[in-house]
C-alpha cells in the first residue's frame, strides 16, 4: 500500500501502521472470543478501540464483556455500536 497522499504527497506511513496494528488487534480479539477467553478478548478489543473506535470495536468490546459476564458494560457497548 502506498503510504503517501495522492494529492499532497504527505507521508501517511504512521496512519497505515496504526490501521495495521488495529486490524491485528481485532483479529486477536476474535481469536480470543473463539477460545472463550474473555480477558484476552477484552484486552485486544480495548487496544483496537483506543486506536480507532467504530462499530466493529464496540461490538468486540460488547462480546468480550459478555464472556466476562459483565452484562451492564456489554449492553452499554452494544448500544454504542448501533
N, C-alpha and C. Protein backbone atom coordinates (compact mmCIF):
# COMPACT_ATOMS: atom_id res chain seq x y z
N UNK A 1 0.84 -1.18 0.00
CA UNK A 1 0.00 0.00 0.00
C UNK A 1 0.89 1.24 0.00
N UNK A 2 0.53 2.19 -0.84
CA UNK A 2 1.28 3.45 -0.91
C UNK A 2 0.99 4.27 0.34
N UNK A 3 2.07 4.73 1.00
CA UNK A 3 1.91 5.46 2.25
C UNK A 3 2.08 6.96 2.07
N UNK A 4 1.70 7.47 0.89
CA UNK A 4 1.77 8.90 0.63
C UNK A 4 0.42 9.37 0.08
N UNK A 5 0.03 10.55 0.49
CA UNK A 5 -1.21 11.14 0.00
C UNK A 5 -1.08 11.40 -1.50
N UNK A 6 -2.07 11.01 -2.27
CA UNK A 6 -2.01 11.23 -3.72
C UNK A 6 -2.10 12.71 -4.07
N UNK A 7 -2.77 13.47 -3.24
CA UNK A 7 -2.96 14.88 -3.52
C UNK A 7 -1.76 15.72 -3.11
N UNK A 8 -1.32 15.59 -1.85
CA UNK A 8 -0.27 16.48 -1.33
C UNK A 8 1.06 15.77 -1.07
N UNK A 9 1.10 14.45 -1.27
CA UNK A 9 2.32 13.66 -1.09
C UNK A 9 2.79 13.57 0.37
N UNK A 10 1.93 13.87 1.32
CA UNK A 10 2.28 13.76 2.74
C UNK A 10 2.54 12.29 3.09
N UNK A 11 3.46 12.07 3.99
CA UNK A 11 3.80 10.72 4.44
C UNK A 11 2.70 10.21 5.37
N UNK A 12 2.05 9.16 4.99
CA UNK A 12 0.96 8.58 5.78
C UNK A 12 1.36 7.25 6.41
N UNK A 13 2.64 6.96 6.47
CA UNK A 13 3.10 5.66 6.95
C UNK A 13 2.69 5.40 8.40
N UNK A 14 2.65 6.43 9.24
CA UNK A 14 2.22 6.23 10.63
C UNK A 14 0.75 5.85 10.70
N UNK A 15 -0.07 6.49 9.88
CA UNK A 15 -1.50 6.13 9.86
C UNK A 15 -1.71 4.71 9.36
N UNK A 16 -0.95 4.33 8.36
CA UNK A 16 -1.04 2.96 7.83
C UNK A 16 -0.63 1.97 8.93
N UNK A 17 0.42 2.28 9.66
CA UNK A 17 0.89 1.39 10.72
C UNK A 17 -0.16 1.26 11.83
N UNK A 18 -0.81 2.36 12.18
CA UNK A 18 -1.86 2.33 13.20
C UNK A 18 -3.01 1.44 12.74
N UNK A 19 -3.43 1.59 11.50
CA UNK A 19 -4.54 0.78 10.98
C UNK A 19 -4.17 -0.70 10.92
N UNK A 20 -2.93 -0.99 10.56
CA UNK A 20 -2.50 -2.39 10.52
C UNK A 20 -2.48 -2.99 11.93
N UNK A 21 -2.01 -2.22 12.89
CA UNK A 21 -2.00 -2.68 14.28
C UNK A 21 -3.41 -2.90 14.77
N UNK A 22 -4.30 -1.97 14.46
CA UNK A 22 -5.70 -2.08 14.88
C UNK A 22 -6.35 -3.34 14.29
N UNK A 23 -6.12 -3.57 13.00
CA UNK A 23 -6.69 -4.76 12.36
C UNK A 23 -6.17 -6.03 13.02
N UNK A 24 -4.89 -6.04 13.35
CA UNK A 24 -4.30 -7.20 14.03
C UNK A 24 -4.93 -7.41 15.40
N UNK A 25 -5.16 -6.34 16.13
CA UNK A 25 -5.78 -6.45 17.45
C UNK A 25 -7.22 -6.95 17.35
N UNK A 26 -7.95 -6.55 16.33
CA UNK A 26 -9.31 -7.05 16.13
C UNK A 26 -9.30 -8.55 15.83
N UNK A 27 -8.33 -8.99 15.04
CA UNK A 27 -8.20 -10.42 14.75
C UNK A 27 -7.87 -11.18 16.03
N UNK A 28 -6.94 -10.67 16.80
CA UNK A 28 -6.58 -11.33 18.07
C UNK A 28 -7.76 -11.37 19.02
N UNK A 29 -8.56 -10.32 19.03
CA UNK A 29 -9.75 -10.31 19.88
C UNK A 29 -10.73 -11.40 19.43
N UNK A 30 -10.92 -11.51 18.13
CA UNK A 30 -11.82 -12.54 17.60
C UNK A 30 -11.31 -13.94 17.95
N UNK A 31 -10.01 -14.14 17.85
CA UNK A 31 -9.44 -15.44 18.20
C UNK A 31 -9.65 -15.75 19.68
N UNK A 32 -9.48 -14.75 20.53
CA UNK A 32 -9.71 -14.94 21.97
C UNK A 32 -11.17 -15.24 22.25
N UNK A 33 -12.06 -14.59 21.52
CA UNK A 33 -13.50 -14.85 21.68
C UNK A 33 -13.80 -16.30 21.31
N UNK A 34 -13.23 -16.76 20.20
CA UNK A 34 -13.45 -18.14 19.77
C UNK A 34 -12.89 -19.14 20.79
N UNK A 35 -11.83 -18.72 21.50
CA UNK A 35 -11.23 -19.58 22.53
C UNK A 35 -11.91 -19.40 23.88
N UNK A 36 -12.96 -18.58 23.92
CA UNK A 36 -13.72 -18.32 25.14
C UNK A 36 -12.84 -17.67 26.23
N UNK A 37 -11.91 -16.83 25.82
CA UNK A 37 -11.01 -16.13 26.73
C UNK A 37 -11.43 -14.66 26.79
N UNK A 38 -12.33 -14.35 27.70
CA UNK A 38 -12.88 -13.01 27.81
C UNK A 38 -11.86 -11.95 28.17
N UNK A 39 -10.91 -12.29 29.03
CA UNK A 39 -9.90 -11.31 29.44
C UNK A 39 -9.00 -10.90 28.26
N UNK A 40 -8.52 -11.88 27.51
CA UNK A 40 -7.67 -11.57 26.35
C UNK A 40 -8.49 -10.85 25.28
N UNK A 41 -9.72 -11.29 25.08
CA UNK A 41 -10.59 -10.63 24.10
C UNK A 41 -10.79 -9.17 24.44
N UNK A 42 -11.00 -8.90 25.71
CA UNK A 42 -11.21 -7.52 26.15
C UNK A 42 -9.93 -6.70 25.97
N UNK A 43 -8.80 -7.26 26.32
CA UNK A 43 -7.54 -6.54 26.18
C UNK A 43 -7.30 -6.13 24.73
N UNK A 44 -7.48 -7.07 23.81
CA UNK A 44 -7.24 -6.79 22.39
C UNK A 44 -8.30 -5.84 21.83
N UNK A 45 -9.54 -6.02 22.24
CA UNK A 45 -10.61 -5.13 21.77
C UNK A 45 -10.39 -3.71 22.26
N UNK A 46 -9.95 -3.56 23.50
CA UNK A 46 -9.69 -2.22 24.04
C UNK A 46 -8.54 -1.55 23.29
N UNK A 47 -7.51 -2.30 22.97
CA UNK A 47 -6.38 -1.73 22.22
C UNK A 47 -6.85 -1.25 20.86
N UNK A 48 -7.61 -2.07 20.16
CA UNK A 48 -8.13 -1.67 18.85
C UNK A 48 -9.04 -0.45 18.98
N UNK A 49 -9.86 -0.44 20.00
CA UNK A 49 -10.81 0.65 20.21
C UNK A 49 -10.08 1.96 20.49
N UNK A 50 -9.00 1.90 21.25
CA UNK A 50 -8.24 3.12 21.54
C UNK A 50 -7.53 3.66 20.30
N UNK A 51 -7.19 2.77 19.39
CA UNK A 51 -6.55 3.23 18.15
C UNK A 51 -7.56 3.91 17.23
N UNK A 52 -8.77 3.33 17.14
CA UNK A 52 -9.86 3.96 16.37
C UNK A 52 -11.15 3.25 16.73
N UNK A 53 -12.05 3.99 17.30
CA UNK A 53 -13.35 3.43 17.70
C UNK A 53 -14.30 3.41 16.50
N UNK A 54 -14.97 2.29 16.32
CA UNK A 54 -16.02 2.18 15.32
C UNK A 54 -16.96 1.04 15.72
N UNK A 55 -17.90 0.71 14.87
CA UNK A 55 -18.88 -0.34 15.20
C UNK A 55 -18.20 -1.66 15.54
N UNK A 56 -17.19 -2.01 14.75
CA UNK A 56 -16.51 -3.29 14.98
C UNK A 56 -15.87 -3.34 16.36
N UNK A 57 -15.20 -2.28 16.74
CA UNK A 57 -14.53 -2.30 18.06
C UNK A 57 -15.56 -2.29 19.18
N UNK A 58 -16.66 -1.54 19.02
CA UNK A 58 -17.71 -1.56 20.04
C UNK A 58 -18.32 -2.96 20.18
N UNK A 59 -18.52 -3.64 19.05
CA UNK A 59 -19.09 -4.99 19.08
C UNK A 59 -18.13 -5.98 19.75
N UNK A 60 -16.84 -5.86 19.44
CA UNK A 60 -15.87 -6.75 20.09
C UNK A 60 -15.83 -6.49 21.59
N UNK A 61 -15.90 -5.22 21.99
CA UNK A 61 -15.94 -4.90 23.42
C UNK A 61 -17.17 -5.53 24.07
N UNK A 62 -18.31 -5.41 23.42
CA UNK A 62 -19.55 -5.97 23.96
C UNK A 62 -19.44 -7.49 24.14
N UNK A 63 -18.91 -8.16 23.14
CA UNK A 63 -18.76 -9.61 23.21
C UNK A 63 -17.79 -10.02 24.30
N UNK A 64 -16.69 -9.29 24.40
CA UNK A 64 -15.70 -9.59 25.45
C UNK A 64 -16.32 -9.41 26.83
N UNK A 65 -17.09 -8.36 27.01
CA UNK A 65 -17.74 -8.14 28.31
C UNK A 65 -18.76 -9.25 28.60
N UNK A 66 -19.45 -9.72 27.56
CA UNK A 66 -20.37 -10.84 27.76
C UNK A 66 -19.62 -12.08 28.25
N UNK A 67 -18.49 -12.37 27.62
CA UNK A 67 -17.70 -13.53 28.04
C UNK A 67 -17.24 -13.40 29.49
N UNK A 68 -17.01 -12.17 29.91
CA UNK A 68 -16.57 -11.93 31.29
C UNK A 68 -17.76 -11.78 32.24
N UNK A 69 -18.96 -11.94 31.71
CA UNK A 69 -20.23 -11.87 32.46
C UNK A 69 -20.46 -10.49 33.07
N UNK A 70 -19.95 -9.47 32.39
CA UNK A 70 -20.19 -8.08 32.78
C UNK A 70 -21.28 -7.55 31.86
N UNK A 71 -22.52 -7.90 32.21
CA UNK A 71 -23.65 -7.65 31.33
C UNK A 71 -23.98 -6.17 31.18
N UNK A 72 -23.75 -5.39 32.21
CA UNK A 72 -24.04 -3.95 32.13
C UNK A 72 -23.13 -3.28 31.10
N UNK A 73 -21.84 -3.57 31.17
CA UNK A 73 -20.91 -2.98 30.20
C UNK A 73 -21.15 -3.53 28.80
N UNK A 74 -21.52 -4.80 28.70
CA UNK A 74 -21.82 -5.38 27.40
C UNK A 74 -22.98 -4.64 26.74
N UNK A 75 -24.01 -4.37 27.52
CA UNK A 75 -25.17 -3.66 26.99
C UNK A 75 -24.81 -2.23 26.58
N UNK A 76 -23.98 -1.57 27.38
CA UNK A 76 -23.54 -0.22 27.05
C UNK A 76 -22.76 -0.20 25.74
N UNK A 77 -21.85 -1.14 25.57
CA UNK A 77 -21.06 -1.22 24.35
C UNK A 77 -21.93 -1.59 23.15
N UNK A 78 -22.86 -2.47 23.36
CA UNK A 78 -23.79 -2.86 22.28
C UNK A 78 -24.59 -1.66 21.81
N UNK A 79 -25.08 -0.86 22.75
CA UNK A 79 -25.85 0.33 22.40
C UNK A 79 -24.99 1.32 21.61
N UNK A 80 -23.72 1.44 22.00
CA UNK A 80 -22.83 2.36 21.30
C UNK A 80 -22.53 1.89 19.87
N UNK A 81 -22.63 0.59 19.65
CA UNK A 81 -22.35 0.04 18.32
C UNK A 81 -23.47 0.30 17.34
N UNK A 82 -24.63 0.64 17.84
CA UNK A 82 -25.77 0.85 16.94
C UNK A 82 -25.77 2.18 16.26
